[in-house]
Amino acid sequence: MPHKIKAGRRHKIAQQKHRVTNWTAYNESPRRRGDLTVWISEDVQCLWSALRRR
């Protein structure tokens, strides 16, 4: 039983506190959690590209 030695100190996953009714939004939220939106103004956007190589 070596896997039970540190069972008291292991991280436990909490049980859900409420029932999920909107599964579409629930499944979409992990995907959007890593979403990073950056807004760049038009005048900066024209300076963004590098010069063409020769």
C-alpha atoms as a PDB file:
ATOM      1  CA  MET A   1       0.000   0.000   0.000  1.00  0.00           C
ATOM      2  CA  PRO A   2       2.709   2.566  -0.792  1.00  0.00           C
ATOM      3  CA  HIS A   3       0.268   4.834  -2.642  1.00  0.00           C
ATOM      4  CA  LYS A   4      -1.780   5.398   0.523  1.00  0.00           C
ATOM      5  CA  ILE A   5       1.117   6.601   2.688  1.00  0.00           C
ATOM      6  CA  LYS A   6       0.810  10.278   1.713  1.00  0.00           C
ATOM      7  CA  ALA A   7      -2.902  10.213   0.878  1.00  0.00           C
ATOM      8  CA  GLY A   8      -3.716  12.666   3.665  1.00  0.00           C
ATOM      9  CA  ARG A   9      -1.391  15.307   2.196  1.00  0.00           C
ATOM     10  CA  ARG A  10      -2.439  14.894  -1.447  1.00  0.00           C
ATOM     11  CA  HIS A  11      -4.305  17.623  -3.295  1.00  0.00           C
ATOM     12  CA  LYS A  12      -7.987  16.847  -3.364  1.00  0.00           C
ATOM     13  CA  ILE A  13     -10.250  17.926  -6.224  1.00  0.00           C
ATOM     14  CA  ALA A  14     -13.250  19.759  -4.832  1.00  0.00           C
ATOM     15  CA  GLN A  15     -16.730  18.474  -5.620  1.00  0.00           C
ATOM     16  CA  GLN A  16     -19.016  20.629  -7.744  1.00  0.00           C
ATOM     17  CA  LYS A  17     -21.177  22.977  -5.704  1.00  0.00           C
ATOM     18  CA  HIS A  18     -23.949  23.271  -8.287  1.00  0.00           C
ATOM     19  CA  ARG A  19     -25.220  21.310 -11.257  1.00  0.00           C
ATOM     20  CA  VAL A  20     -24.125  22.535 -14.695  1.00  0.00           C
ATOM     21  CA  THR A  21     -27.071  23.414 -16.924  1.00  0.00           C
ATOM     22  CA  ASN A  22     -25.375  25.379 -19.702  1.00  0.00           C
ATOM     23  CA  TRP A  23     -22.884  22.833 -21.037  1.00  0.00           C
ATOM     24  CA  THR A  24     -22.008  24.904 -24.108  1.00  0.00           C
ATOM     25  CA  ALA A  25     -20.680  27.792 -22.013  1.00  0.00           C
ATOM     26  CA  TYR A  26     -19.097  25.389 -19.504  1.00  0.00           C
ATOM     27  CA  ASN A  27     -17.101  23.604 -22.227  1.00  0.00           C
ATOM     28  CA  GLU A  28     -16.146  26.904 -23.895  1.00  0.00           C
ATOM     29  CA  SER A  29     -14.733  28.495 -20.726  1.00  0.00           C
ATOM     30  CA  PRO A  30     -11.478  26.442 -20.496  1.00  0.00           C
ATOM     31  CA  ARG A  31     -10.706  27.246 -24.113  1.00  0.00           C
ATOM     32  CA  ARG A  32     -11.227  30.978 -23.564  1.00  0.00           C
ATOM     33  CA  ARG A  33      -9.280  30.995 -20.278  1.00  0.00           C
ATOM     34  CA  GLY A  34      -5.981  31.149 -22.181  1.00  0.00           C
ATOM     35  CA  ASP A  35      -7.282  33.704 -24.686  1.00  0.00           C
ATOM     36  CA  LEU A  36      -5.302  36.932 -24.811  1.00  0.00           C
ATOM     37  CA  THR A  37      -6.692  39.711 -26.984  1.00  0.00           C
ATOM     38  CA  VAL A  38      -4.406  42.619 -27.872  1.00  0.00           C
ATOM     39  CA  TRP A  39      -5.794  45.715 -29.577  1.00  0.00           C
ATOM     40  CA  ILE A  40      -3.373  47.607 -31.824  1.00  0.00           C
ATOM     41  CA  SER A  41      -4.241  51.018 -33.244  1.00  0.00           C
ATOM     42  CA  GLU A  42      -4.135  51.600 -37.010  1.00  0.00           C
ATOM     43  CA  ASP A  43      -1.127  53.971 -36.912  1.00  0.00           C
ATOM     44  CA  VAL A  44       0.963  51.439 -34.971  1.00  0.00           C
ATOM     45  CA  GLN A  45      -0.184  48.603 -37.197  1.00  0.00           C
ATOM     46  CA  CYS A  46       1.340  50.196 -40.316  1.00  0.00           C
ATOM     47  CA  LEU A  47       4.731  50.392 -38.515  1.00  0.00           C
ATOM     48  CA  TRP A  48       4.481  46.800 -37.306  1.00  0.00           C
ATOM     49  CA  SER A  49       5.755  45.031 -40.432  1.00  0.00           C
ATOM     50  CA  ALA A  50       9.460  44.710 -41.132  1.00  0.00           C
ATOM     51  CA  LEU A  51      11.179  45.988 -44.256  1.00  0.00           C
ATOM     52  CA  ARG A  52      11.423  43.590 -47.192  1.00  0.00           C
ATOM     53  CA  ARG A  53      14.650  41.690 -47.575  1.00  0.00           C
ATOM     54  CA  ARG A  54      16.762  42.177 -50.647  1.00  0.00           C
END
